[in-house]
Amino acid sequence: MASEGEAVVNQLFARIVGTSVSQPDINEFTTDVGGLIESLCAPTGPPDNLTCGAVNQRTGVNRTVEVIKAACGAALGSGATLVQ
């Protein structure tokens, strides 16, 4: 994963998941969320053939912004944020 992706994953882990004993560790989180970021930044073809840094012509939004929003949503919607 590119260093930019690592920075996003590290910030999400620190701010959303934390370091409680019952939480996933950084390696598990990086595998899941980092894999999501990588797959969304390197699409395989139409209609989502935008790479990170490109601007989505339909929305006018940079693909990187869309990918970071998706990563945040995945982290917030994961079981790691549930309160027991």
PDB file of N, CA and C in Angstrom:
ATOM      1  N   MET A   1       0.850  -1.171   0.000  1.00  0.00           N
ATOM      2  CA  MET A   1       0.000   0.000   0.000  1.00  0.00           C
ATOM      3  C   MET A   1       0.895   1.233   0.000  1.00  0.00           C
ATOM      4  N   ALA A   2       0.448   2.238  -0.741  1.00  0.00           N
ATOM      5  CA  ALA A   2       1.204   3.495  -0.801  1.00  0.00           C
ATOM      6  C   ALA A   2       1.197   4.170   0.557  1.00  0.00           C
ATOM      7  N   SER A   3       2.194   5.003   0.797  1.00  0.00           N
ATOM      8  CA  SER A   3       2.317   5.654   2.102  1.00  0.00           C
ATOM      9  C   SER A   3       1.102   6.527   2.427  1.00  0.00           C
ATOM     10  N   GLU A   4       0.453   7.100   1.388  1.00  0.00           N
ATOM     11  CA  GLU A   4      -0.749   7.898   1.638  1.00  0.00           C
ATOM     12  C   GLU A   4      -1.856   7.020   2.203  1.00  0.00           C
ATOM     13  N   GLY A   5      -1.994   5.817   1.636  1.00  0.00           N
ATOM     14  CA  GLY A   5      -2.999   4.882   2.125  1.00  0.00           C
ATOM     15  C   GLY A   5      -2.698   4.434   3.545  1.00  0.00           C
ATOM     16  N   GLU A   6      -1.421   4.228   3.836  1.00  0.00           N
ATOM     17  CA  GLU A   6      -1.029   3.841   5.192  1.00  0.00           C
ATOM     18  C   GLU A   6      -1.370   4.939   6.187  1.00  0.00           C
ATOM     19  N   ALA A   7      -1.158   6.184   5.792  1.00  0.00           N
ATOM     20  CA  ALA A   7      -1.476   7.304   6.680  1.00  0.00           C
ATOM     21  C   ALA A   7      -2.965   7.341   6.988  1.00  0.00           C
ATOM     22  N   VAL A   8      -3.800   7.085   5.989  1.00  0.00           N
ATOM     23  CA  VAL A   8      -5.253   7.068   6.197  1.00  0.00           C
ATOM     24  C   VAL A   8      -5.629   5.926   7.125  1.00  0.00           C
ATOM     25  N   VAL A   9      -5.100   4.742   6.863  1.00  0.00           N
ATOM     26  CA  VAL A   9      -5.417   3.568   7.690  1.00  0.00           C
ATOM     27  C   VAL A   9      -4.966   3.789   9.127  1.00  0.00           C
ATOM     28  N   ASN A  10      -3.777   4.319   9.319  1.00  0.00           N
ATOM     29  CA  ASN A  10      -3.269   4.559  10.677  1.00  0.00           C
ATOM     30  C   ASN A  10      -4.143   5.555  11.434  1.00  0.00           C
ATOM     31  N   GLN A  11      -4.566   6.619  10.771  1.00  0.00           N
ATOM     32  CA  GLN A  11      -5.433   7.613  11.422  1.00  0.00           C
ATOM     33  C   GLN A  11      -6.798   7.021  11.758  1.00  0.00           C
ATOM     34  N   LEU A  12      -7.367   6.250  10.829  1.00  0.00           N
ATOM     35  CA  LEU A  12      -8.654   5.614  11.105  1.00  0.00           C
ATOM     36  C   LEU A  12      -8.548   4.654  12.286  1.00  0.00           C
ATOM     37  N   PHE A  13      -7.477   3.884  12.314  1.00  0.00           N
ATOM     38  CA  PHE A  13      -7.299   2.932  13.409  1.00  0.00           C
ATOM     39  C   PHE A  13      -7.175   3.668  14.742  1.00  0.00           C
ATOM     40  N   ALA A  14      -6.362   4.695  14.777  1.00  0.00           N
ATOM     41  CA  ALA A  14      -6.132   5.436  16.024  1.00  0.00           C
ATOM     42  C   ALA A  14      -7.395   6.137  16.507  1.00  0.00           C
ATOM     43  N   ARG A  15      -8.171   6.698  15.595  1.00  0.00           N
ATOM     44  CA  ARG A  15      -9.311   7.517  15.993  1.00  0.00           C
ATOM     45  C   ARG A  15     -10.622   6.759  16.100  1.00  0.00           C
ATOM     46  N   ILE A  16     -10.741   5.637  15.410  1.00  0.00           N
ATOM     47  CA  ILE A  16     -12.014   4.920  15.414  1.00  0.00           C
ATOM     48  C   ILE A  16     -11.926   3.610  16.190  1.00  0.00           C
ATOM     49  N   VAL A  17     -10.897   2.826  15.959  1.00  0.00           N
ATOM     50  CA  VAL A  17     -10.816   1.498  16.560  1.00  0.00           C
ATOM     51  C   VAL A  17     -10.198   1.551  17.940  1.00  0.00           C
ATOM     52  N   GLY A  18      -9.038   2.161  18.064  1.00  0.00           N
ATOM     53  CA  GLY A  18      -8.379   2.219  19.365  1.00  0.00           C
ATOM     54  C   GLY A  18      -7.593   0.969  19.669  1.00  0.00           C
ATOM     55  N   THR A  19      -7.184   0.838  20.921  1.00  0.00           N
ATOM     56  CA  THR A  19      -6.286  -0.259  21.286  1.00  0.00           C
ATOM     57  C   THR A  19      -6.819  -1.138  22.402  1.00  0.00           C
ATOM     58  N   SER A  20      -8.110  -1.197  22.575  1.00  0.00           N
ATOM     59  CA  SER A  20      -8.685  -2.078  23.587  1.00  0.00           C
ATOM     60  C   SER A  20      -8.319  -3.526  23.267  1.00  0.00           C
ATOM     61  N   VAL A  21      -8.259  -4.338  24.292  1.00  0.00           N
ATOM     62  CA  VAL A  21      -7.877  -5.742  24.126  1.00  0.00           C
ATOM     63  C   VAL A  21      -8.824  -6.479  23.194  1.00  0.00           C
ATOM     64  N   SER A  22     -10.108  -6.129  23.202  1.00  0.00           N
ATOM     65  CA  SER A  22     -11.090  -6.845  22.395  1.00  0.00           C
ATOM     66  C   SER A  22     -11.163  -6.345  20.951  1.00  0.00           C
ATOM     67  N   GLN A  23     -10.419  -5.310  20.623  1.00  0.00           N
ATOM     68  CA  GLN A  23     -10.457  -4.748  19.282  1.00  0.00           C
ATOM     69  C   GLN A  23      -9.490  -5.481  18.362  1.00  0.00           C
ATOM     70  N   PRO A  24      -9.739  -5.407  17.050  1.00  0.00           N
ATOM     71  CA  PRO A  24      -8.758  -5.990  16.118  1.00  0.00           C
ATOM     72  C   PRO A  24      -7.445  -5.227  16.203  1.00  0.00           C
ATOM     73  N   ASP A  25      -6.356  -5.903  15.877  1.00  0.00           N
ATOM     74  CA  ASP A  25      -5.071  -5.201  15.913  1.00  0.00           C
ATOM     75  C   ASP A  25      -4.845  -4.465  14.595  1.00  0.00           C
ATOM     76  N   ILE A  26      -3.799  -3.665  14.558  1.00  0.00           N
ATOM     77  CA  ILE A  26      -3.514  -2.825  13.398  1.00  0.00           C
ATOM     78  C   ILE A  26      -3.281  -3.662  12.144  1.00  0.00           C
ATOM     79  N   ASN A  27      -2.698  -4.849  12.296  1.00  0.00           N
ATOM     80  CA  ASN A  27      -2.442  -5.700  11.128  1.00  0.00           C
ATOM     81  C   ASN A  27      -3.740  -6.191  10.488  1.00  0.00           C
ATOM     82  N   GLU A  28      -4.690  -6.613  11.304  1.00  0.00           N
ATOM     83  CA  GLU A  28      -5.988  -7.044  10.780  1.00  0.00           C
ATOM     84  C   GLU A  28      -6.707  -5.878  10.115  1.00  0.00           C
ATOM     85  N   PHE A  29      -6.683  -4.744  10.772  1.00  0.00           N
ATOM     86  CA  PHE A  29      -7.358  -3.556  10.258  1.00  0.00           C
ATOM     87  C   PHE A  29      -6.721  -3.110   8.936  1.00  0.00           C
ATOM     88  N   THR A  30      -5.399  -3.123   8.872  1.00  0.00           N
ATOM     89  CA  THR A  30      -4.699  -2.730   7.652  1.00  0.00           C
ATOM     90  C   THR A  30      -5.027  -3.679   6.504  1.00  0.00           C
ATOM     91  N   THR A  31      -5.104  -4.963   6.800  1.00  0.00           N
ATOM     92  CA  THR A  31      -5.448  -5.934   5.766  1.00  0.00           C
ATOM     93  C   THR A  31      -6.821  -5.635   5.179  1.00  0.00           C
ATOM     94  N   ASP A  32      -7.798  -5.389   6.037  1.00  0.00           N
ATOM     95  CA  ASP A  32      -9.167  -5.175   5.572  1.00  0.00           C
ATOM     96  C   ASP A  32      -9.371  -3.801   4.939  1.00  0.00           C
ATOM     97  N   VAL A  33      -9.099  -2.753   5.678  1.00  0.00           N
ATOM     98  CA  VAL A  33      -9.349  -1.401   5.181  1.00  0.00           C
ATOM     99  C   VAL A  33      -8.300  -1.008   4.133  1.00  0.00           C
ATOM    100  N   GLY A  34      -7.064  -1.397   4.348  1.00  0.00           N
ATOM    101  CA  GLY A  34      -6.032  -1.125   3.351  1.00  0.00           C
ATOM    102  C   GLY A  34      -6.321  -1.830   2.034  1.00  0.00           C
ATOM    103  N   GLY A  35      -6.829  -3.049   2.120  1.00  0.00           N
ATOM    104  CA  GLY A  35      -7.222  -3.777   0.911  1.00  0.00           C
ATOM    105  C   GLY A  35      -8.360  -3.090   0.175  1.00  0.00           C
ATOM    106  N   LEU A  36      -9.305  -2.551   0.947  1.00  0.00           N
ATOM    107  CA  LEU A  36     -10.400  -1.789   0.342  1.00  0.00           C
ATOM    108  C   LEU A  36      -9.863  -0.577  -0.402  1.00  0.00           C
ATOM    109  N   ILE A  37      -8.983   0.169   0.240  1.00  0.00           N
ATOM    110  CA  ILE A  37      -8.410   1.364  -0.380  1.00  0.00           C
ATOM    111  C   ILE A  37      -7.664   0.996  -1.655  1.00  0.00           C
ATOM    112  N   GLU A  38      -6.858  -0.044  -1.595  1.00  0.00           N
ATOM    113  CA  GLU A  38      -6.096  -0.456  -2.779  1.00  0.00           C
ATOM    114  C   GLU A  38      -7.017  -0.864  -3.918  1.00  0.00           C
ATOM    115  N   SER A  39      -8.065  -1.616  -3.615  1.00  0.00           N
ATOM    116  CA  SER A  39      -8.951  -2.068  -4.683  1.00  0.00           C
ATOM    117  C   SER A  39      -9.744  -0.914  -5.283  1.00  0.00           C
ATOM    118  N   LEU A  40     -10.112   0.072  -4.472  1.00  0.00           N
ATOM    119  CA  LEU A  40     -10.860   1.212  -4.995  1.00  0.00           C
ATOM    120  C   LEU A  40      -9.969   2.192  -5.757  1.00  0.00           C
ATOM    121  N   CYS A  41      -8.688   2.206  -5.453  1.00  0.00           N
ATOM    122  CA  CYS A  41      -7.752   3.100  -6.159  1.00  0.00           C
ATOM    123  C   CYS A  41      -7.199   2.473  -7.427  1.00  0.00           C
ATOM    124  N   ALA A  42      -7.437   1.203  -7.629  1.00  0.00           N
ATOM    125  CA  ALA A  42      -6.945   0.520  -8.820  1.00  0.00           C
ATOM    126  C   ALA A  42      -8.056  -0.326  -9.430  1.00  0.00           C
ATOM    127  N   PRO A  43      -9.124   0.321  -9.905  1.00  0.00           N
ATOM    128  CA  PRO A  43     -10.253  -0.426 -10.457  1.00  0.00           C
ATOM    129  C   PRO A  43      -9.851  -1.165 -11.735  1.00  0.00           C
ATOM    130  N   THR A  44     -10.611  -2.187 -12.071  1.00  0.00           N
ATOM    131  CA  THR A  44     -10.253  -3.039 -13.197  1.00  0.00           C
ATOM    132  C   THR A  44     -10.923  -2.643 -14.505  1.00  0.00           C
ATOM    133  N   GLY A  45     -11.916  -1.803 -14.476  1.00  0.00           N
ATOM    134  CA  GLY A  45     -12.539  -1.413 -15.734  1.00  0.00           C
ATOM    135  C   GLY A  45     -13.795  -0.601 -15.544  1.00  0.00           C
ATOM    136  N   PRO A  46     -14.458  -0.256 -16.663  1.00  0.00           N
ATOM    137  CA  PRO A  46     -15.682   0.553 -16.604  1.00  0.00           C
ATOM    138  C   PRO A  46     -16.743  -0.127 -15.766  1.00  0.00           C
ATOM    139  N   PRO A  47     -17.671   0.595 -15.168  1.00  0.00           N
ATOM    140  CA  PRO A  47     -17.805   2.044 -15.238  1.00  0.00           C
ATOM    141  C   PRO A  47     -16.965   2.767 -14.197  1.00  0.00           C
ATOM    142  N   ASP A  48     -16.364   2.044 -13.282  1.00  0.00           N
ATOM    143  CA  ASP A  48     -15.580   2.666 -12.207  1.00  0.00           C
ATOM    144  C   ASP A  48     -14.094   2.594 -12.519  1.00  0.00           C
ATOM    145  N   ASN A  49     -13.708   3.108 -13.665  1.00  0.00           N
ATOM    146  CA  ASN A  49     -12.315   2.980 -14.076  1.00  0.00           C
ATOM    147  C   ASN A  49     -11.454   4.158 -13.640  1.00  0.00           C
ATOM    148  N   LEU A  50     -11.856   4.844 -12.593  1.00  0.00           N
ATOM    149  CA  LEU A  50     -11.084   5.972 -12.087  1.00  0.00           C
ATOM    150  C   LEU A  50     -10.031   5.493 -11.095  1.00  0.00           C
ATOM    151  N   THR A  51      -8.849   6.009 -11.222  1.00  0.00           N
ATOM    152  CA  THR A  51      -7.816   5.744 -10.231  1.00  0.00           C
ATOM    153  C   THR A  51      -7.778   6.921  -9.260  1.00  0.00           C
ATOM    154  N   CYS A  52      -7.165   6.725  -8.122  1.00  0.00           N
ATOM    155  CA  CYS A  52      -7.063   7.814  -7.159  1.00  0.00           C
ATOM    156  C   CYS A  52      -6.304   8.977  -7.785  1.00  0.00           C
ATOM    157  N   GLY A  53      -6.796  10.166  -7.535  1.00  0.00           N
ATOM    158  CA  GLY A  53      -6.232  11.372  -8.112  1.00  0.00           C
ATOM    159  C   GLY A  53      -7.036  11.893  -9.284  1.00  0.00           C
ATOM    160  N   ALA A  54      -7.811  11.018  -9.934  1.00  0.00           N
ATOM    161  CA  ALA A  54      -8.645  11.437 -11.062  1.00  0.00           C
ATOM    162  C   ALA A  54      -9.937  12.056 -10.541  1.00  0.00           C
ATOM    163  N   VAL A  55     -10.544  12.895 -11.351  1.00  0.00           N
ATOM    164  CA  VAL A  55     -11.807  13.534 -10.968  1.00  0.00           C
ATOM    165  C   VAL A  55     -12.954  12.785 -11.629  1.00  0.00           C
ATOM    166  N   ASN A  56     -13.934  12.416 -10.824  1.00  0.00           N
ATOM    167  CA  ASN A  56     -15.141  11.762 -11.322  1.00  0.00           C
ATOM    168  C   ASN A  56     -15.957  12.791 -12.101  1.00  0.00           C
ATOM    169  N   GLN A  57     -16.134  12.572 -13.384  1.00  0.00           N
ATOM    170  CA  GLN A  57     -16.832  13.545 -14.221  1.00  0.00           C
ATOM    171  C   GLN A  57     -18.313  13.663 -13.872  1.00  0.00           C
ATOM    172  N   ARG A  58     -18.921  12.609 -13.346  1.00  0.00           N
ATOM    173  CA  ARG A  58     -20.334  12.668 -12.955  1.00  0.00           C
ATOM    174  C   ARG A  58     -20.550  13.511 -11.711  1.00  0.00           C
ATOM    175  N   THR A  59     -19.639  13.411 -10.760  1.00  0.00           N
ATOM    176  CA  THR A  59     -19.834  14.109  -9.484  1.00  0.00           C
ATOM    177  C   THR A  59     -18.928  15.320  -9.321  1.00  0.00           C
ATOM    178  N   GLY A  60     -17.854  15.387 -10.093  1.00  0.00           N
ATOM    179  CA  GLY A  60     -16.888  16.472  -9.956  1.00  0.00           C
ATOM    180  C   GLY A  60     -15.995  16.330  -8.733  1.00  0.00           C
ATOM    181  N   VAL A  61     -15.995  15.157  -8.122  1.00  0.00           N
ATOM    182  CA  VAL A  61     -15.224  14.910  -6.905  1.00  0.00           C
ATOM    183  C   VAL A  61     -13.979  14.088  -7.244  1.00  0.00           C
ATOM    184  N   ASN A  62     -12.867  14.425  -6.624  1.00  0.00           N
ATOM    185  CA  ASN A  62     -11.635  13.670  -6.790  1.00  0.00           C
ATOM    186  C   ASN A  62     -11.838  12.263  -6.255  1.00  0.00           C
ATOM    187  N   ARG A  63     -11.391  11.268  -6.990  1.00  0.00           N
ATOM    188  CA  ARG A  63     -11.564   9.861  -6.598  1.00  0.00           C
ATOM    189  C   ARG A  63     -10.950   9.588  -5.227  1.00  0.00           C
ATOM    190  N   THR A  64      -9.860  10.242  -4.893  1.00  0.00           N
ATOM    191  CA  THR A  64      -9.224  10.034  -3.598  1.00  0.00           C
ATOM    192  C   THR A  64     -10.182  10.381  -2.465  1.00  0.00           C
ATOM    193  N   VAL A  65     -10.931  11.454  -2.620  1.00  0.00           N
ATOM    194  CA  VAL A  65     -11.907  11.856  -1.606  1.00  0.00           C
ATOM    195  C   VAL A  65     -12.980  10.786  -1.462  1.00  0.00           C
ATOM    196  N   GLU A  66     -13.448  10.262  -2.586  1.00  0.00           N
ATOM    197  CA  GLU A  66     -14.462   9.204  -2.540  1.00  0.00           C
ATOM    198  C   GLU A  66     -13.941   7.954  -1.835  1.00  0.00           C
ATOM    199  N   VAL A  67     -12.695   7.599  -2.100  1.00  0.00           N
ATOM    200  CA  VAL A  67     -12.104   6.399  -1.495  1.00  0.00           C
ATOM    201  C   VAL A  67     -11.924   6.586   0.010  1.00  0.00           C
ATOM    202  N   ILE A  68     -11.481   7.753   0.434  1.00  0.00           N
ATOM    203  CA  ILE A  68     -11.316   8.003   1.868  1.00  0.00           C
ATOM    204  C   ILE A  68     -12.665   7.971   2.576  1.00  0.00           C
ATOM    205  N   LYS A  69     -13.705   8.514   1.949  1.00  0.00           N
ATOM    206  CA  LYS A  69     -15.050   8.432   2.533  1.00  0.00           C
ATOM    207  C   LYS A  69     -15.488   6.978   2.688  1.00  0.00           C
ATOM    208  N   ALA A  70     -15.193   6.165   1.687  1.00  0.00           N
ATOM    209  CA  ALA A  70     -15.549   4.747   1.756  1.00  0.00           C
ATOM    210  C   ALA A  70     -14.797   4.041   2.885  1.00  0.00           C
ATOM    211  N   ALA A  71     -13.518   4.365   3.042  1.00  0.00           N
ATOM    212  CA  ALA A  71     -12.724   3.755   4.110  1.00  0.00           C
ATOM    213  C   ALA A  71     -13.257   4.176   5.481  1.00  0.00           C
ATOM    214  N   CYS A  72     -13.622   5.439   5.622  1.00  0.00           N
ATOM    215  CA  CYS A  72     -14.197   5.920   6.893  1.00  0.00           C
ATOM    216  C   CYS A  72     -15.511   5.205   7.187  1.00  0.00           C
ATOM    217  N   GLY A  73     -16.347   5.075   6.169  1.00  0.00           N
ATOM    218  CA  GLY A  73     -17.620   4.377   6.351  1.00  0.00           C
ATOM    219  C   GLY A  73     -17.428   2.925   6.735  1.00  0.00           C
ATOM    220  N   ALA A  74     -16.454   2.284   6.119  1.00  0.00           N
ATOM    221  CA  ALA A  74     -16.171   0.879   6.440  1.00  0.00           C
ATOM    222  C   ALA A  74     -15.690   0.741   7.875  1.00  0.00           C
ATOM    223  N   ALA A  75     -14.818   1.653   8.311  1.00  0.00           N
ATOM    224  CA  ALA A  75     -14.303   1.599   9.677  1.00  0.00           C
ATOM    225  C   ALA A  75     -15.403   1.875  10.691  1.00  0.00           C
ATOM    226  N   LEU A  76     -16.216   2.898  10.409  1.00  0.00           N
ATOM    227  CA  LEU A  76     -17.301   3.249  11.348  1.00  0.00           C
ATOM    228  C   LEU A  76     -18.388   2.190  11.384  1.00  0.00           C
ATOM    229  N   GLY A  77     -18.602   1.524  10.258  1.00  0.00           N
ATOM    230  CA  GLY A  77     -19.642   0.492  10.205  1.00  0.00           C
ATOM    231  C   GLY A  77     -19.180  -0.883  10.622  1.00  0.00           C
ATOM    232  N   SER A  78     -17.932  -1.025  10.983  1.00  0.00           N
ATOM    233  CA  SER A  78     -17.415  -2.341  11.346  1.00  0.00           C
ATOM    234  C   SER A  78     -17.794  -2.718  12.780  1.00  0.00           C
ATOM    235  N   GLY A  79     -17.646  -3.977  13.079  1.00  0.00           N
ATOM    236  CA  GLY A  79     -17.924  -4.460  14.423  1.00  0.00           C
ATOM    237  C   GLY A  79     -16.989  -3.882  15.476  1.00  0.00           C
ATOM    238  N   ALA A  80     -15.864  -3.320  15.046  1.00  0.00           N
ATOM    239  CA  ALA A  80     -14.890  -2.765  15.989  1.00  0.00           C
ATOM    240  C   ALA A  80     -15.437  -1.544  16.707  1.00  0.00           C
ATOM    241  N   THR A  81     -16.479  -0.919  16.164  1.00  0.00           N
ATOM    242  CA  THR A  81     -17.014   0.288  16.804  1.00  0.00           C
ATOM    243  C   THR A  81     -18.200  -0.008  17.706  1.00  0.00           C
ATOM    244  N   LEU A  82     -18.605  -1.262  17.798  1.00  0.00           N
ATOM    245  CA  LEU A  82     -19.740  -1.607  18.648  1.00  0.00           C
ATOM    246  C   LEU A  82     -19.355  -1.548  20.123  1.00  0.00           C
ATOM    247  N   VAL A  83     -20.257  -1.055  20.927  1.00  0.00           N
ATOM    248  CA  VAL A  83     -20.033  -0.988  22.370  1.00  0.00           C
ATOM    249  C   VAL A  83     -20.674  -2.216  22.993  1.00  0.00           C
ATOM    250  N   GLN A  84     -19.884  -2.928  23.775  1.00  0.00           N
ATOM    251  CA  GLN A  84     -20.435  -4.137  24.424  1.00  0.00           C
ATOM    252  C   GLN A  84     -20.964  -3.803  25.775  1.00  0.00           C
TER     253      GLN A  84
END
